[in-house]
Amino acid sequence: MSENRHHYTSDELSLTQAHSYTLLLQVDANTFNYAVLSGKQLLAWGENYSPDELRDPQQLLDILTANYQQVIIGLASTGFTLLPQSLFDSNRIADFARLLDVSNTEKVNAEALDSQNIIIYKVDEMLTYAVKDLDNQNTIFTDAGWIKAIAADYPLSNNVYLNIGNDVVSVVNFTNSKLRFYNNFSFKNHEELAYFSALVTTELEIKPEDAKLIISGDINNSDRYFTYLKDFFGDVQLNNIRLLTLPDRVAPHKILSLSALSLCASSEEN
């Protein structure tokens, strides 16, 4: 996958107006991506920065120190479990956390993933430390927005959605617009990506020739990852969900997972 940073900055970006902007961040152990929005308009976008930049901004000093209306941060987990809403008790998070084998350097969070499921997940405390000084922040599970975006797009039961970034693929499937499957896998090459995709479709009892793989993230329809999947599945395509007003140079599937964090804005900001 690409190791290059992708940049976009609109001529309309003015950080003196940041009080009316939203900053989106997706952070994992090795990198973070950012986007600056004015309503639904993309004003700036960058990928694959070191988390050290969050702790001590240099290249992105102006971006990361502006006073935003809201900062929405998607944190990558080191492990998670899903629990039906009906079984969740906020007073028993410590008990549920035992399922995750939490270490002394990890913190446990819990949040509603949709109307029926709670996700309980652990994150490295270094990530929470990296973003602790950002004002007006709302910290959520990294794929929460992406799952919301797909759920709102009337997914069919044979649609299997993939999001790819930093050698991790997230996979989700819905039946009758209800979440049926969600998981993520680390992979090293196109063969492992195809293996995990086949593993999921087999578990879902979807025949490869009937499956439609809809992919977002760090992938193009001409690279080896994409063409290799097309050899095994009936239909493979890039995700065309567009949540923001984007310039022609920014492909919707490339920025979907990051832009979808905007769907998790607090109600008073919507």
C-alpha atoms as a PDB file:
ATOM      1  CA  MET A   1       0.000   0.000   0.000  1.00  0.00           C
ATOM      2  CA  SER A   2       1.015   3.589  -0.430  1.00  0.00           C
ATOM      3  CA  GLU A   3       3.412   5.135   2.066  1.00  0.00           C
ATOM      4  CA  ASN A   4       3.121   8.598   0.539  1.00  0.00           C
ATOM      5  CA  ARG A   5       1.281  11.421   2.214  1.00  0.00           C
ATOM      6  CA  HIS A   6      -1.648  12.785   0.272  1.00  0.00           C
ATOM      7  CA  HIS A   7      -2.269  16.470   0.779  1.00  0.00           C
ATOM      8  CA  TYR A   8      -5.078  18.790  -0.140  1.00  0.00           C
ATOM      9  CA  THR A   9      -5.534  22.356   1.052  1.00  0.00           C
ATOM     10  CA  SER A  10      -8.345  24.540  -0.217  1.00  0.00           C
ATOM     11  CA  ASP A  11      -7.762  28.201  -0.975  1.00  0.00           C
ATOM     12  CA  GLU A  12     -10.773  28.800   1.278  1.00  0.00           C
ATOM     13  CA  LEU A  13      -9.055  27.435   4.395  1.00  0.00           C
ATOM     14  CA  SER A  14      -8.603  30.191   6.972  1.00  0.00           C
ATOM     15  CA  LEU A  15      -7.676  28.984  10.439  1.00  0.00           C
ATOM     16  CA  THR A  16      -8.807  32.285  11.903  1.00  0.00           C
ATOM     17  CA  GLN A  17     -12.255  30.804  11.237  1.00  0.00           C
ATOM     18  CA  ALA A  18     -11.423  27.504  12.942  1.00  0.00           C
ATOM     19  CA  HIS A  19     -14.078  28.161  15.576  1.00  0.00           C
ATOM     20  CA  SER A  20     -16.590  27.216  12.862  1.00  0.00           C
ATOM     21  CA  TYR A  21     -14.588  24.215  11.544  1.00  0.00           C
ATOM     22  CA  THR A  22     -14.390  20.558  12.525  1.00  0.00           C
ATOM     23  CA  LEU A  23     -11.077  18.703  12.768  1.00  0.00           C
ATOM     24  CA  LEU A  24     -11.190  14.953  12.092  1.00  0.00           C
ATOM     25  CA  LEU A  25      -8.331  12.686  13.209  1.00  0.00           C
ATOM     26  CA  GLN A  26      -7.787   8.958  12.776  1.00  0.00           C
ATOM     27  CA  VAL A  27      -4.948   7.748  14.969  1.00  0.00           C
ATOM     28  CA  ASP A  28      -3.214   4.394  15.261  1.00  0.00           C
ATOM     29  CA  ALA A  29       0.057   3.280  16.815  1.00  0.00           C
ATOM     30  CA  ASN A  30       2.202   4.410  13.883  1.00  0.00           C
ATOM     31  CA  THR A  31       0.338   7.074  11.914  1.00  0.00           C
ATOM     32  CA  PHE A  32      -2.519   9.537  11.901  1.00  0.00           C
ATOM     33  CA  ASN A  33      -4.657  11.142   9.201  1.00  0.00           C
ATOM     34  CA  TYR A  34      -6.451  14.466   9.449  1.00  0.00           C
ATOM     35  CA  ALA A  35      -9.139  16.455   7.692  1.00  0.00           C
ATOM     36  CA  VAL A  36     -10.498  19.942   8.275  1.00  0.00           C
ATOM     37  CA  LEU A  37     -14.149  20.560   7.409  1.00  0.00           C
ATOM     38  CA  SER A  38     -16.394  23.559   7.093  1.00  0.00           C
ATOM     39  CA  GLY A  39     -19.811  21.950   7.291  1.00  0.00           C
ATOM     40  CA  LYS A  40     -19.648  19.297   4.546  1.00  0.00           C
ATOM     41  CA  GLN A  41     -16.822  20.976   2.616  1.00  0.00           C
ATOM     42  CA  LEU A  42     -13.332  19.502   2.772  1.00  0.00           C
ATOM     43  CA  LEU A  43     -10.797  22.254   3.397  1.00  0.00           C
ATOM     44  CA  ALA A  44      -7.658  20.235   4.163  1.00  0.00           C
ATOM     45  CA  TRP A  45      -6.535  16.616   4.211  1.00  0.00           C
ATOM     46  CA  GLY A  46      -3.304  14.813   5.046  1.00  0.00           C
ATOM     47  CA  GLU A  47      -2.302  11.196   5.630  1.00  0.00           C
ATOM     48  CA  ASN A  48       0.386   9.074   7.266  1.00  0.00           C
ATOM     49  CA  TYR A  49       1.893  11.481   9.782  1.00  0.00           C
ATOM     50  CA  SER A  50       3.741  10.174  12.820  1.00  0.00           C
ATOM     51  CA  PRO A  51       1.881  10.391  16.160  1.00  0.00           C
ATOM     52  CA  ASP A  52       4.936  12.311  17.379  1.00  0.00           C
ATOM     53  CA  GLU A  53       3.513  15.212  15.378  1.00  0.00           C
ATOM     54  CA  LEU A  54       0.443  15.158  17.624  1.00  0.00           C
ATOM     55  CA  ARG A  55       2.543  15.315  20.765  1.00  0.00           C
ATOM     56  CA  ASP A  56       4.918  17.981  19.435  1.00  0.00           C
ATOM     57  CA  PRO A  57       3.486  19.635  16.300  1.00  0.00           C
ATOM     58  CA  GLN A  58       6.021  20.901  13.797  1.00  0.00           C
ATOM     59  CA  GLN A  59       4.831  20.414  10.211  1.00  0.00           C
ATOM     60  CA  LEU A  60       1.168  20.734  11.227  1.00  0.00           C
ATOM     61  CA  LEU A  61       1.581  23.288  13.979  1.00  0.00           C
ATOM     62  CA  ASP A  62      -1.101  25.658  12.634  1.00  0.00           C
ATOM     63  CA  ILE A  63      -3.560  22.849  11.876  1.00  0.00           C
ATOM     64  CA  LEU A  64      -3.208  21.086  15.226  1.00  0.00           C
ATOM     65  CA  THR A  65      -3.224  24.146  17.459  1.00  0.00           C
ATOM     66  CA  ALA A  66      -6.198  25.998  15.953  1.00  0.00           C
ATOM     67  CA  ASN A  67      -9.300  26.458  18.106  1.00  0.00           C
ATOM     68  CA  TYR A  68     -11.906  24.238  16.404  1.00  0.00           C
ATOM     69  CA  GLN A  69     -15.602  24.090  17.018  1.00  0.00           C
ATOM     70  CA  GLN A  70     -15.198  20.353  17.420  1.00  0.00           C
ATOM     71  CA  VAL A  71     -12.462  17.740  17.170  1.00  0.00           C
ATOM     72  CA  ILE A  72     -13.573  14.171  16.403  1.00  0.00           C
ATOM     73  CA  ILE A  73     -10.880  11.549  17.000  1.00  0.00           C
ATOM     74  CA  GLY A  74     -11.102   7.955  15.848  1.00  0.00           C
ATOM     75  CA  LEU A  75      -8.720   5.780  17.851  1.00  0.00           C
ATOM     76  CA  ALA A  76      -7.491   2.415  16.610  1.00  0.00           C
ATOM     77  CA  SER A  77      -8.091  -0.396  19.079  1.00  0.00           C
ATOM     78  CA  THR A  78      -5.763  -3.157  20.203  1.00  0.00           C
ATOM     79  CA  GLY A  79      -8.749  -5.434  20.730  1.00  0.00           C
ATOM     80  CA  PHE A  80     -12.541  -5.254  20.951  1.00  0.00           C
ATOM     81  CA  THR A  81     -15.720  -7.196  21.557  1.00  0.00           C
ATOM     82  CA  LEU A  82     -19.328  -6.511  20.584  1.00  0.00           C
ATOM     83  CA  LEU A  83     -22.159  -6.826  23.093  1.00  0.00           C
ATOM     84  CA  PRO A  84     -25.921  -6.497  22.547  1.00  0.00           C
ATOM     85  CA  GLN A  85     -27.341  -3.285  24.003  1.00  0.00           C
ATOM     86  CA  SER A  86     -29.744  -5.341  26.123  1.00  0.00           C
ATOM     87  CA  LEU A  87     -26.850  -7.040  27.954  1.00  0.00           C
ATOM     88  CA  PHE A  88     -24.701  -3.983  28.523  1.00  0.00           C
ATOM     89  CA  ASP A  89     -24.303  -2.498  31.994  1.00  0.00           C
ATOM     90  CA  SER A  90     -21.999   0.505  32.258  1.00  0.00           C
ATOM     91  CA  ASN A  91     -21.213  -0.477  35.847  1.00  0.00           C
ATOM     92  CA  ARG A  92     -19.699  -3.744  34.648  1.00  0.00           C
ATOM     93  CA  ILE A  93     -17.203  -2.450  32.078  1.00  0.00           C
ATOM     94  CA  ALA A  94     -14.340  -3.848  34.175  1.00  0.00           C
ATOM     95  CA  ASP A  95     -15.950  -7.305  33.979  1.00  0.00           C
ATOM     96  CA  PHE A  96     -16.417  -7.072  30.220  1.00  0.00           C
ATOM     97  CA  ALA A  97     -12.825  -5.871  29.857  1.00  0.00           C
ATOM     98  CA  ARG A  98     -11.624  -9.261  31.104  1.00  0.00           C
ATOM     99  CA  LEU A  99     -12.596 -10.617  27.696  1.00  0.00           C
ATOM    100  CA  LEU A 100      -9.946  -8.352  26.155  1.00  0.00           C
ATOM    101  CA  ASP A 101      -6.896  -9.249  28.277  1.00  0.00           C
ATOM    102  CA  VAL A 102      -6.172  -5.604  29.076  1.00  0.00           C
ATOM    103  CA  SER A 103      -2.569  -4.688  29.929  1.00  0.00           C
ATOM    104  CA  ASN A 104      -1.368  -1.954  32.277  1.00  0.00           C
ATOM    105  CA  THR A 105      -0.676   0.319  29.286  1.00  0.00           C
ATOM    106  CA  GLU A 106      -4.173   0.064  27.802  1.00  0.00           C
ATOM    107  CA  LYS A 107      -7.421   1.890  28.498  1.00  0.00           C
ATOM    108  CA  VAL A 108     -10.909   0.435  27.990  1.00  0.00           C
ATOM    109  CA  ASN A 109     -13.696   2.400  26.267  1.00  0.00           C
ATOM    110  CA  ALA A 110     -17.300   1.474  25.523  1.00  0.00           C
ATOM    111  CA  GLU A 111     -19.753   3.153  23.160  1.00  0.00           C
ATOM    112  CA  ALA A 112     -22.857   2.435  21.117  1.00  0.00           C
ATOM    113  CA  LEU A 113     -21.874   1.221  17.665  1.00  0.00           C
ATOM    114  CA  ASP A 114     -25.479   1.306  16.476  1.00  0.00           C
ATOM    115  CA  SER A 115     -28.959   0.970  17.991  1.00  0.00           C
ATOM    116  CA  GLN A 116     -28.377  -2.676  18.902  1.00  0.00           C
ATOM    117  CA  ASN A 117     -24.678  -3.111  19.657  1.00  0.00           C
ATOM    118  CA  ILE A 118     -22.164  -1.787  22.146  1.00  0.00           C
ATOM    119  CA  ILE A 119     -18.491  -2.011  21.252  1.00  0.00           C
ATOM    120  CA  ILE A 120     -16.087  -2.436  24.141  1.00  0.00           C
ATOM    121  CA  TYR A 121     -12.527  -1.813  23.046  1.00  0.00           C
ATOM    122  CA  LYS A 122      -9.073  -1.199  24.402  1.00  0.00           C
ATOM    123  CA  VAL A 123      -6.592   1.405  23.195  1.00  0.00           C
ATOM    124  CA  ASP A 124      -2.948   2.006  23.927  1.00  0.00           C
ATOM    125  CA  GLU A 125      -2.657   4.812  26.485  1.00  0.00           C
ATOM    126  CA  MET A 126       0.047   6.368  24.302  1.00  0.00           C
ATOM    127  CA  LEU A 127      -2.680   7.213  21.779  1.00  0.00           C
ATOM    128  CA  THR A 128      -4.905   8.847  24.358  1.00  0.00           C
ATOM    129  CA  TYR A 129      -1.894  10.731  25.669  1.00  0.00           C
ATOM    130  CA  ALA A 130      -1.031  11.945  22.166  1.00  0.00           C
ATOM    131  CA  VAL A 131      -4.406  13.646  21.731  1.00  0.00           C
ATOM    132  CA  LYS A 132      -5.116  14.698  25.312  1.00  0.00           C
ATOM    133  CA  ASP A 133      -4.344  18.402  24.756  1.00  0.00           C
ATOM    134  CA  LEU A 134      -6.784  18.893  21.865  1.00  0.00           C
ATOM    135  CA  ASP A 135      -9.755  21.017  22.945  1.00  0.00           C
ATOM    136  CA  ASN A 136     -13.437  20.279  22.267  1.00  0.00           C
ATOM    137  CA  GLN A 137     -12.678  16.675  21.453  1.00  0.00           C
ATOM    138  CA  ASN A 138     -14.910  13.654  21.079  1.00  0.00           C
ATOM    139  CA  THR A 139     -12.979  10.364  21.032  1.00  0.00           C
ATOM    140  CA  ILE A 140     -14.591   7.338  19.379  1.00  0.00           C
ATOM    141  CA  PHE A 141     -13.840   3.922  17.904  1.00  0.00           C
ATOM    142  CA  THR A 142     -11.968   4.393  14.634  1.00  0.00           C
ATOM    143  CA  ASP A 143     -14.442   2.537  12.383  1.00  0.00           C
ATOM    144  CA  ALA A 144     -17.597   3.889  14.038  1.00  0.00           C
ATOM    145  CA  GLY A 145     -18.290   6.467  11.323  1.00  0.00           C
ATOM    146  CA  TRP A 146     -17.466   4.098   8.466  1.00  0.00           C
ATOM    147  CA  ILE A 147     -19.961   1.560   9.800  1.00  0.00           C
ATOM    148  CA  LYS A 148     -22.619   4.290  10.127  1.00  0.00           C
ATOM    149  CA  ALA A 149     -22.007   5.438   6.560  1.00  0.00           C
ATOM    150  CA  ILE A 150     -22.477   1.949   5.165  1.00  0.00           C
ATOM    151  CA  ALA A 151     -25.550   1.234   7.282  1.00  0.00           C
ATOM    152  CA  ALA A 152     -27.190   4.367   5.858  1.00  0.00           C
ATOM    153  CA  ASP A 153     -26.461   3.290   2.261  1.00  0.00           C
ATOM    154  CA  TYR A 154     -28.985   0.422   2.201  1.00  0.00           C
ATOM    155  CA  PRO A 155     -26.450  -2.438   2.140  1.00  0.00           C
ATOM    156  CA  LEU A 156     -27.535  -5.751   0.641  1.00  0.00           C
ATOM    157  CA  SER A 157     -26.852  -9.010   2.456  1.00  0.00           C
ATOM    158  CA  ASN A 158     -24.313 -10.161  -0.149  1.00  0.00           C
ATOM    159  CA  ASN A 159     -22.371  -6.872   0.048  1.00  0.00           C
ATOM    160  CA  VAL A 160     -19.130  -7.252   1.987  1.00  0.00           C
ATOM    161  CA  TYR A 161     -17.463  -3.922   2.742  1.00  0.00           C
ATOM    162  CA  LEU A 162     -13.721  -3.577   3.200  1.00  0.00           C
ATOM    163  CA  ASN A 163     -11.696  -0.614   4.383  1.00  0.00           C
ATOM    164  CA  ILE A 164      -7.927  -0.832   3.965  1.00  0.00           C
ATOM    165  CA  GLY A 165      -5.226   1.162   5.684  1.00  0.00           C
ATOM    166  CA  ASN A 166      -1.756   0.544   7.129  1.00  0.00           C
ATOM    167  CA  ASP A 167      -1.882  -3.203   6.424  1.00  0.00           C
ATOM    168  CA  VAL A 168      -5.164  -3.658   8.292  1.00  0.00           C
ATOM    169  CA  VAL A 169      -8.485  -4.454   6.651  1.00  0.00           C
ATOM    170  CA  SER A 170     -11.805  -3.826   8.387  1.00  0.00           C
ATOM    171  CA  VAL A 171     -14.732  -5.907   7.142  1.00  0.00           C
ATOM    172  CA  VAL A 172     -18.443  -5.345   7.728  1.00  0.00           C
ATOM    173  CA  ASN A 173     -21.649  -6.954   6.495  1.00  0.00           C
ATOM    174  CA  PHE A 174     -25.321  -6.215   7.082  1.00  0.00           C
ATOM    175  CA  THR A 175     -28.533  -8.206   6.768  1.00  0.00           C
ATOM    176  CA  ASN A 176     -31.826  -6.333   6.527  1.00  0.00           C
ATOM    177  CA  SER A 177     -29.866  -3.172   7.379  1.00  0.00           C
ATOM    178  CA  LYS A 178     -28.747  -4.700  10.695  1.00  0.00           C
ATOM    179  CA  LEU A 179     -25.114  -5.337  11.543  1.00  0.00           C
ATOM    180  CA  ARG A 180     -24.326  -9.012  10.982  1.00  0.00           C
ATOM    181  CA  PHE A 181     -20.520  -9.072  10.991  1.00  0.00           C
ATOM    182  CA  TYR A 182     -17.646  -6.764  11.873  1.00  0.00           C
ATOM    183  CA  ASN A 183     -13.976  -7.563  12.362  1.00  0.00           C
ATOM    184  CA  ASN A 184     -10.530  -6.460  11.273  1.00  0.00           C
ATOM    185  CA  PHE A 185      -7.415  -8.343  10.225  1.00  0.00           C
ATOM    186  CA  SER A 186      -3.748  -7.541   9.772  1.00  0.00           C
ATOM    187  CA  PHE A 187      -2.351  -8.649   6.417  1.00  0.00           C
ATOM    188  CA  LYS A 188       0.985  -8.475   4.621  1.00  0.00           C
ATOM    189  CA  ASN A 189       0.206  -8.953   0.942  1.00  0.00           C
ATOM    190  CA  HIS A 190      -2.537  -9.379  -1.656  1.00  0.00           C
ATOM    191  CA  GLU A 191      -2.801 -13.114  -0.997  1.00  0.00           C
ATOM    192  CA  GLU A 192      -3.509 -12.609   2.704  1.00  0.00           C
ATOM    193  CA  LEU A 193      -6.078  -9.931   1.890  1.00  0.00           C
ATOM    194  CA  ALA A 194      -7.863 -12.367  -0.415  1.00  0.00           C
ATOM    195  CA  TYR A 195      -7.622 -15.104   2.221  1.00  0.00           C
ATOM    196  CA  PHE A 196      -9.307 -13.028   4.920  1.00  0.00           C
ATOM    197  CA  SER A 197     -11.953 -11.858   2.463  1.00  0.00           C
ATOM    198  CA  ALA A 198     -12.700 -15.463   1.572  1.00  0.00           C
ATOM    199  CA  LEU A 199     -12.717 -16.427   5.252  1.00  0.00           C
ATOM    200  CA  VAL A 200     -15.405 -13.848   5.961  1.00  0.00           C
ATOM    201  CA  THR A 201     -17.586 -14.727   2.979  1.00  0.00           C
ATOM    202  CA  THR A 202     -17.362 -18.397   3.941  1.00  0.00           C
ATOM    203  CA  GLU A 203     -18.427 -17.603   7.495  1.00  0.00           C
ATOM    204  CA  LEU A 204     -21.312 -15.560   6.134  1.00  0.00           C
ATOM    205  CA  GLU A 205     -22.247 -18.417   3.795  1.00  0.00           C
ATOM    206  CA  ILE A 206     -21.927 -16.205   0.725  1.00  0.00           C
ATOM    207  CA  LYS A 207     -20.587 -17.940  -2.354  1.00  0.00           C
ATOM    208  CA  PRO A 208     -17.584 -16.118  -3.863  1.00  0.00           C
ATOM    209  CA  GLU A 209     -19.377 -15.714  -7.182  1.00  0.00           C
ATOM    210  CA  ASP A 210     -22.346 -14.101  -5.387  1.00  0.00           C
ATOM    211  CA  ALA A 211     -20.325 -11.806  -3.170  1.00  0.00           C
ATOM    212  CA  LYS A 212     -19.926  -8.122  -3.923  1.00  0.00           C
ATOM    213  CA  LEU A 213     -16.809  -6.635  -2.339  1.00  0.00           C
ATOM    214  CA  ILE A 214     -17.032  -2.875  -1.945  1.00  0.00           C
ATOM    215  CA  ILE A 215     -13.699  -1.375  -0.951  1.00  0.00           C
ATOM    216  CA  SER A 216     -12.502   1.912   0.477  1.00  0.00           C
ATOM    217  CA  GLY A 217      -9.191   3.156   1.812  1.00  0.00           C
ATOM    218  CA  ASP A 218      -5.665   2.810   0.473  1.00  0.00           C
ATOM    219  CA  ILE A 219      -6.408   0.957  -2.747  1.00  0.00           C
ATOM    220  CA  ASN A 220      -6.971   1.668  -6.448  1.00  0.00           C
ATOM    221  CA  ASN A 221      -8.784  -0.362  -9.085  1.00  0.00           C
ATOM    222  CA  SER A 222      -5.496  -0.900 -10.937  1.00  0.00           C
ATOM    223  CA  ASP A 223      -3.291  -2.187  -8.114  1.00  0.00           C
ATOM    224  CA  ARG A 224      -2.487  -5.795  -7.307  1.00  0.00           C
ATOM    225  CA  TYR A 225      -4.727  -5.943  -4.245  1.00  0.00           C
ATOM    226  CA  PHE A 226      -7.788  -5.015  -6.275  1.00  0.00           C
ATOM    227  CA  THR A 227      -7.090  -7.108  -9.368  1.00  0.00           C
ATOM    228  CA  TYR A 228      -6.237 -10.170  -7.257  1.00  0.00           C
ATOM    229  CA  LEU A 229      -9.582  -9.978  -5.445  1.00  0.00           C
ATOM    230  CA  LYS A 230     -11.349  -9.795  -8.809  1.00  0.00           C
ATOM    231  CA  ASP A 231      -9.966 -13.236  -9.633  1.00  0.00           C
ATOM    232  CA  PHE A 232     -11.919 -14.772  -6.745  1.00  0.00           C
ATOM    233  CA  PHE A 233     -15.136 -12.809  -6.277  1.00  0.00           C
ATOM    234  CA  GLY A 234     -18.083 -12.119  -8.527  1.00  0.00           C
ATOM    235  CA  ASP A 235     -18.012  -8.355  -8.171  1.00  0.00           C
ATOM    236  CA  VAL A 236     -15.306  -6.093  -6.752  1.00  0.00           C
ATOM    237  CA  GLN A 237     -15.673  -2.332  -6.811  1.00  0.00           C
ATOM    238  CA  LEU A 238     -14.547   0.832  -5.095  1.00  0.00           C
ATOM    239  CA  ASN A 239     -16.898   2.404  -2.583  1.00  0.00           C
ATOM    240  CA  ASN A 240     -18.549   5.504  -4.060  1.00  0.00           C
ATOM    241  CA  ILE A 241     -20.240   6.819  -0.890  1.00  0.00           C
ATOM    242  CA  ARG A 242     -19.558  10.550  -0.839  1.00  0.00           C
ATOM    243  CA  LEU A 243     -20.114  12.312   2.493  1.00  0.00           C
ATOM    244  CA  LEU A 244     -18.333  15.587   1.764  1.00  0.00           C
ATOM    245  CA  THR A 245     -17.967  18.120  -0.999  1.00  0.00           C
ATOM    246  CA  LEU A 246     -14.653  17.016  -2.480  1.00  0.00           C
ATOM    247  CA  PRO A 247     -12.340  18.427  -5.133  1.00  0.00           C
ATOM    248  CA  ASP A 248     -11.840  16.313  -8.245  1.00  0.00           C
ATOM    249  CA  ARG A 249      -8.365  15.264  -7.089  1.00  0.00           C
ATOM    250  CA  VAL A 250      -9.725  13.497  -3.973  1.00  0.00           C
ATOM    251  CA  ALA A 251     -11.381  10.133  -4.640  1.00  0.00           C
ATOM    252  CA  PRO A 252     -14.323   9.464  -2.274  1.00  0.00           C
ATOM    253  CA  HIS A 253     -13.197   5.917  -1.425  1.00  0.00           C
ATOM    254  CA  LYS A 254      -9.782   7.182  -0.325  1.00  0.00           C
ATOM    255  CA  ILE A 255     -11.159   9.451   2.367  1.00  0.00           C
ATOM    256  CA  LEU A 256     -14.394   7.638   3.303  1.00  0.00           C
ATOM    257  CA  SER A 257     -13.336   6.183   6.648  1.00  0.00           C
ATOM    258  CA  LEU A 258     -11.861   9.490   7.810  1.00  0.00           C
ATOM    259  CA  SER A 259     -14.684  11.675   6.494  1.00  0.00           C
ATOM    260  CA  ALA A 260     -17.265   9.330   8.054  1.00  0.00           C
ATOM    261  CA  LEU A 261     -16.098  10.398  11.506  1.00  0.00           C
ATOM    262  CA  SER A 262     -18.164  13.527  10.816  1.00  0.00           C
ATOM    263  CA  LEU A 263     -21.270  11.337  11.217  1.00  0.00           C
ATOM    264  CA  CYS A 264     -20.316  10.932  14.868  1.00  0.00           C
ATOM    265  CA  ALA A 265     -20.510  14.633  15.667  1.00  0.00           C
ATOM    266  CA  SER A 266     -22.329  15.458  18.885  1.00  0.00           C
ATOM    267  CA  SER A 267     -26.019  16.243  18.469  1.00  0.00           C
ATOM    268  CA  GLU A 268     -25.594  19.882  19.395  1.00  0.00           C
ATOM    269  CA  GLU A 269     -23.213  20.301  16.448  1.00  0.00           C
ATOM    270  CA  ASN A 270     -25.553  18.635  13.914  1.00  0.00           C
END
